[in-house]
Amino acid sequence: MASVLLDSGPLVLFLCGSLRPDLVGKGKTKQHTLEMFQKLNEELIEIDNHISLPNVLTEASNHLGAGQQQPVDGAARALSTYILKLEEIFQPSKEVIGLSEYMSVGLSDAAIISCVPRLKKENVRVFTQDWELYSRLSKFEVDCVNIMHWATPKEW
């Protein structure tokens, strides 16, 4: 894996967990566990190349809030620091809505799907918590991780 793209859920987990791991599993990360954050952090620790899309960053910003609305102090600043270090890909919404997937997955996920040729060519690993996006990217043979699978019990 040369680069990563974090969908909004894993991005919120990564930023909130980095600031306040004791709050993982509460508020905006209520569906996550500390172990999920730690595994995500381990996966990302040695990756310098992050890419994202305005749609994904906007979703994450909406979850992270600003000022008094931040679920974790410093979340907005952490997102801005993250943005300054990544490559942002712009996919025009007029083109994205033309994809057959748009009506099923929405604008942000369709924008990610529109990047499939690049994701495959550049060996970008996508982290998501969305089953539908994971399923579609896997069908297109994109390196994709659904972090919710990390919460699935390993023993029966």
C-alpha atoms as a PDB file:
ATOM      1  CA  MET A   1       0.000   0.000   0.000  1.00  0.00           C
ATOM      2  CA  ALA A   2       1.493   3.274  -1.107  1.00  0.00           C
ATOM      3  CA  SER A   3      -1.230   5.637   0.101  1.00  0.00           C
ATOM      4  CA  VAL A   4      -4.442   5.660   2.095  1.00  0.00           C
ATOM      5  CA  LEU A   5      -7.818   7.284   1.817  1.00  0.00           C
ATOM      6  CA  LEU A   6      -9.884   7.499   4.996  1.00  0.00           C
ATOM      7  CA  ASP A   7     -13.642   7.672   4.576  1.00  0.00           C
ATOM      8  CA  SER A   8     -15.292  10.104   7.000  1.00  0.00           C
ATOM      9  CA  GLY A   9     -16.048   7.571   9.777  1.00  0.00           C
ATOM     10  CA  PRO A  10     -12.499   6.238  10.104  1.00  0.00           C
ATOM     11  CA  LEU A  11     -11.172   9.793   9.767  1.00  0.00           C
ATOM     12  CA  VAL A  12     -13.322  10.978  12.686  1.00  0.00           C
ATOM     13  CA  LEU A  13     -12.204   7.946  14.722  1.00  0.00           C
ATOM     14  CA  PHE A  14      -8.545   8.587  13.877  1.00  0.00           C
ATOM     15  CA  LEU A  15      -8.635  12.274  14.799  1.00  0.00           C
ATOM     16  CA  CYS A  16     -10.799  11.951  17.925  1.00  0.00           C
ATOM     17  CA  GLY A  17      -8.865   8.915  19.118  1.00  0.00           C
ATOM     18  CA  SER A  18      -5.554  10.683  18.576  1.00  0.00           C
ATOM     19  CA  LEU A  19      -6.723  13.589  20.725  1.00  0.00           C
ATOM     20  CA  ARG A  20      -8.651  11.713  23.410  1.00  0.00           C
ATOM     21  CA  PRO A  21      -8.414   7.923  23.249  1.00  0.00           C
ATOM     22  CA  ASP A  22     -10.361   7.769  26.521  1.00  0.00           C
ATOM     23  CA  LEU A  23     -13.427   9.116  24.667  1.00  0.00           C
ATOM     24  CA  VAL A  24     -13.417   6.471  21.911  1.00  0.00           C
ATOM     25  CA  GLY A  25     -16.713   4.615  22.109  1.00  0.00           C
ATOM     26  CA  LYS A  26     -18.612   7.734  23.142  1.00  0.00           C
ATOM     27  CA  GLY A  27     -20.244  10.558  21.208  1.00  0.00           C
ATOM     28  CA  LYS A  28     -19.223  10.654  17.547  1.00  0.00           C
ATOM     29  CA  THR A  29     -17.235   7.428  17.962  1.00  0.00           C
ATOM     30  CA  LYS A  30     -19.904   5.463  19.860  1.00  0.00           C
ATOM     31  CA  GLN A  31     -19.848   2.632  17.299  1.00  0.00           C
ATOM     32  CA  HIS A  32     -16.079   2.203  17.701  1.00  0.00           C
ATOM     33  CA  THR A  33     -13.867   0.610  20.332  1.00  0.00           C
ATOM     34  CA  LEU A  34     -10.461   1.604  21.633  1.00  0.00           C
ATOM     35  CA  GLU A  35      -9.074  -1.536  19.984  1.00  0.00           C
ATOM     36  CA  MET A  36     -10.433  -0.374  16.625  1.00  0.00           C
ATOM     37  CA  PHE A  37      -8.731   3.002  17.050  1.00  0.00           C
ATOM     38  CA  GLN A  38      -5.465   1.326  18.032  1.00  0.00           C
ATOM     39  CA  LYS A  39      -5.577  -0.994  15.004  1.00  0.00           C
ATOM     40  CA  LEU A  40      -6.351   1.938  12.675  1.00  0.00           C
ATOM     41  CA  ASN A  41      -3.513   3.928  14.206  1.00  0.00           C
ATOM     42  CA  GLU A  42      -1.142   0.978  13.710  1.00  0.00           C
ATOM     43  CA  GLU A  43      -2.193   0.700  10.067  1.00  0.00           C
ATOM     44  CA  LEU A  44      -1.583   4.416   9.473  1.00  0.00           C
ATOM     45  CA  ILE A  45       1.520   5.043  11.557  1.00  0.00           C
ATOM     46  CA  GLU A  46       3.999   4.415   8.748  1.00  0.00           C
ATOM     47  CA  ILE A  47       1.955   5.796   5.863  1.00  0.00           C
ATOM     48  CA  ASP A  48       2.945   9.299   4.823  1.00  0.00           C
ATOM     49  CA  ASN A  49       0.754   9.595   1.735  1.00  0.00           C
ATOM     50  CA  HIS A  50      -2.875  10.370   2.484  1.00  0.00           C
ATOM     51  CA  ILE A  51      -5.380  11.398  -0.139  1.00  0.00           C
ATOM     52  CA  SER A  52      -8.946  12.588   0.290  1.00  0.00           C
ATOM     53  CA  LEU A  53     -11.835  14.345  -1.395  1.00  0.00           C
ATOM     54  CA  PRO A  54     -13.667  17.541  -0.413  1.00  0.00           C
ATOM     55  CA  ASN A  55     -16.852  15.499   0.074  1.00  0.00           C
ATOM     56  CA  VAL A  56     -15.201  13.228   2.650  1.00  0.00           C
ATOM     57  CA  LEU A  57     -13.490  16.100   4.447  1.00  0.00           C
ATOM     58  CA  THR A  58     -16.769  18.022   4.642  1.00  0.00           C
ATOM     59  CA  GLU A  59     -18.550  15.024   6.161  1.00  0.00           C
ATOM     60  CA  ALA A  60     -15.759  14.638   8.724  1.00  0.00           C
ATOM     61  CA  SER A  61     -15.840  18.365   9.494  1.00  0.00           C
ATOM     62  CA  ASN A  62     -19.589  18.197  10.060  1.00  0.00           C
ATOM     63  CA  HIS A  63     -19.063  15.388  12.607  1.00  0.00           C
ATOM     64  CA  LEU A  64     -16.117  17.090  14.280  1.00  0.00           C
ATOM     65  CA  GLY A  65     -17.775  20.497  14.528  1.00  0.00           C
ATOM     66  CA  ALA A  66     -16.015  23.707  15.476  1.00  0.00           C
ATOM     67  CA  GLY A  67     -15.785  25.911  18.546  1.00  0.00           C
ATOM     68  CA  GLN A  68     -18.203  24.901  21.290  1.00  0.00           C
ATOM     69  CA  GLN A  69     -19.708  22.215  19.040  1.00  0.00           C
ATOM     70  CA  GLN A  70     -16.566  20.079  18.932  1.00  0.00           C
ATOM     71  CA  PRO A  71     -17.054  16.638  20.505  1.00  0.00           C
ATOM     72  CA  VAL A  72     -13.361  16.689  21.429  1.00  0.00           C
ATOM     73  CA  ASP A  73     -11.387  19.868  22.097  1.00  0.00           C
ATOM     74  CA  GLY A  74      -8.989  20.535  19.246  1.00  0.00           C
ATOM     75  CA  ALA A  75     -10.845  18.365  16.719  1.00  0.00           C
ATOM     76  CA  ALA A  76     -11.251  21.158  14.153  1.00  0.00           C
ATOM     77  CA  ARG A  77      -7.565  22.056  14.455  1.00  0.00           C
ATOM     78  CA  ALA A  78      -6.589  18.379  14.113  1.00  0.00           C
ATOM     79  CA  LEU A  79      -8.647  18.136  10.928  1.00  0.00           C
ATOM     80  CA  SER A  80      -7.024  21.276   9.498  1.00  0.00           C
ATOM     81  CA  THR A  81      -3.552  19.900  10.295  1.00  0.00           C
ATOM     82  CA  TYR A  82      -4.485  16.625   8.614  1.00  0.00           C
ATOM     83  CA  ILE A  83      -5.788  18.459   5.526  1.00  0.00           C
ATOM     84  CA  LEU A  84      -2.547  20.428   5.169  1.00  0.00           C
ATOM     85  CA  LYS A  85      -0.582  17.157   4.887  1.00  0.00           C
ATOM     86  CA  LEU A  86      -2.701  15.323   2.324  1.00  0.00           C
ATOM     87  CA  GLU A  87      -3.368  15.426  -1.378  1.00  0.00           C
ATOM     88  CA  GLU A  88      -6.923  16.510  -2.077  1.00  0.00           C
ATOM     89  CA  ILE A  89      -8.627  15.137  -5.167  1.00  0.00           C
ATOM     90  CA  PHE A  90     -11.514  17.082  -6.649  1.00  0.00           C
ATOM     91  CA  GLN A  91     -14.201  15.119  -8.436  1.00  0.00           C
ATOM     92  CA  PRO A  92     -16.838  17.476  -9.889  1.00  0.00           C
ATOM     93  CA  SER A  93     -20.284  16.677  -8.490  1.00  0.00           C
ATOM     94  CA  LYS A  94     -21.778  17.077 -11.975  1.00  0.00           C
ATOM     95  CA  GLU A  95     -19.676  14.093 -13.061  1.00  0.00           C
ATOM     96  CA  VAL A  96     -20.150  12.062  -9.870  1.00  0.00           C
ATOM     97  CA  ILE A  97     -23.949  12.181 -10.063  1.00  0.00           C
ATOM     98  CA  GLY A  98     -23.661  10.603 -13.501  1.00  0.00           C
ATOM     99  CA  LEU A  99     -22.346   7.366 -11.967  1.00  0.00           C
ATOM    100  CA  SER A 100     -24.897   4.590 -11.613  1.00  0.00           C
ATOM    101  CA  GLU A 101     -23.758   4.144  -7.983  1.00  0.00           C
ATOM    102  CA  TYR A 102     -24.728   7.698  -6.998  1.00  0.00           C
ATOM    103  CA  MET A 103     -28.410   6.946  -6.381  1.00  0.00           C
ATOM    104  CA  SER A 104     -27.518   4.013  -4.108  1.00  0.00           C
ATOM    105  CA  VAL A 105     -24.584   5.375  -2.118  1.00  0.00           C
ATOM    106  CA  GLY A 106     -24.810   9.177  -2.196  1.00  0.00           C
ATOM    107  CA  LEU A 107     -22.404  11.864  -3.298  1.00  0.00           C
ATOM    108  CA  SER A 108     -19.395  11.233  -1.026  1.00  0.00           C
ATOM    109  CA  ASP A 109     -19.224   7.490  -1.598  1.00  0.00           C
ATOM    110  CA  ALA A 110     -19.879   7.914  -5.309  1.00  0.00           C
ATOM    111  CA  ALA A 111     -17.005  10.414  -5.438  1.00  0.00           C
ATOM    112  CA  ILE A 112     -14.731   7.792  -3.878  1.00  0.00           C
ATOM    113  CA  ILE A 113     -15.991   5.199  -6.374  1.00  0.00           C
ATOM    114  CA  SER A 114     -15.233   7.619  -9.210  1.00  0.00           C
ATOM    115  CA  CYS A 115     -11.582   7.402  -8.151  1.00  0.00           C
ATOM    116  CA  VAL A 116     -11.392   3.595  -8.613  1.00  0.00           C
ATOM    117  CA  PRO A 117      -8.957   3.712 -11.570  1.00  0.00           C
ATOM    118  CA  ARG A 118      -6.522   5.852  -9.590  1.00  0.00           C
ATOM    119  CA  LEU A 119      -7.027   3.886  -6.359  1.00  0.00           C
ATOM    120  CA  LYS A 120      -6.124   0.682  -8.174  1.00  0.00           C
ATOM    121  CA  LYS A 121      -3.269   2.105 -10.218  1.00  0.00           C
ATOM    122  CA  GLU A 122      -1.615   3.744  -7.198  1.00  0.00           C
ATOM    123  CA  ASN A 123      -2.370   0.902  -4.764  1.00  0.00           C
ATOM    124  CA  VAL A 124      -4.352   3.145  -2.394  1.00  0.00           C
ATOM    125  CA  ARG A 125      -5.932   1.409   0.590  1.00  0.00           C
ATOM    126  CA  VAL A 126      -9.351   2.787   1.501  1.00  0.00           C
ATOM    127  CA  PHE A 127     -10.572   2.598   5.087  1.00  0.00           C
ATOM    128  CA  THR A 128     -14.322   2.810   5.584  1.00  0.00           C
ATOM    129  CA  GLN A 129     -16.984   1.677   8.020  1.00  0.00           C
ATOM    130  CA  ASP A 130     -19.683   1.676   5.372  1.00  0.00           C
ATOM    131  CA  TRP A 131     -20.688  -1.808   4.225  1.00  0.00           C
ATOM    132  CA  GLU A 132     -22.114  -0.626   0.890  1.00  0.00           C
ATOM    133  CA  LEU A 133     -18.976   1.331  -0.045  1.00  0.00           C
ATOM    134  CA  TYR A 134     -16.745  -1.533   1.098  1.00  0.00           C
ATOM    135  CA  SER A 135     -18.748  -4.014  -0.971  1.00  0.00           C
ATOM    136  CA  ARG A 136     -18.609  -1.915  -4.121  1.00  0.00           C
ATOM    137  CA  LEU A 137     -14.903  -1.105  -3.831  1.00  0.00           C
ATOM    138  CA  SER A 138     -14.128  -4.774  -3.202  1.00  0.00           C
ATOM    139  CA  LYS A 139     -16.099  -5.689  -6.328  1.00  0.00           C
ATOM    140  CA  PHE A 140     -13.841  -3.290  -8.249  1.00  0.00           C
ATOM    141  CA  GLU A 141     -10.783  -4.976  -6.638  1.00  0.00           C
ATOM    142  CA  VAL A 142      -9.740  -1.886  -4.692  1.00  0.00           C
ATOM    143  CA  ASP A 143      -7.669  -2.505  -1.560  1.00  0.00           C
ATOM    144  CA  CYS A 144     -10.347  -1.706   1.016  1.00  0.00           C
ATOM    145  CA  VAL A 145     -10.736  -2.277   4.750  1.00  0.00           C
ATOM    146  CA  ASN A 146     -14.057  -2.102   6.570  1.00  0.00           C
ATOM    147  CA  ILE A 147     -12.986  -1.196  10.106  1.00  0.00           C
ATOM    148  CA  MET A 148     -16.273  -2.536  11.478  1.00  0.00           C
ATOM    149  CA  HIS A 149     -14.926  -6.004  10.690  1.00  0.00           C
ATOM    150  CA  TRP A 150     -12.370  -5.408  13.426  1.00  0.00           C
ATOM    151  CA  ALA A 151     -15.212  -5.386  15.960  1.00  0.00           C
ATOM    152  CA  THR A 152     -16.495  -8.776  14.822  1.00  0.00           C
ATOM    153  CA  PRO A 153     -15.753 -11.460  17.419  1.00  0.00           C
ATOM    154  CA  LYS A 154     -13.003 -13.818  16.259  1.00  0.00           C
ATOM    155  CA  GLU A 155     -14.067 -16.807  18.346  1.00  0.00           C
ATOM    156  CA  TRP A 156     -17.385 -18.620  18.344  1.00  0.00           C
END
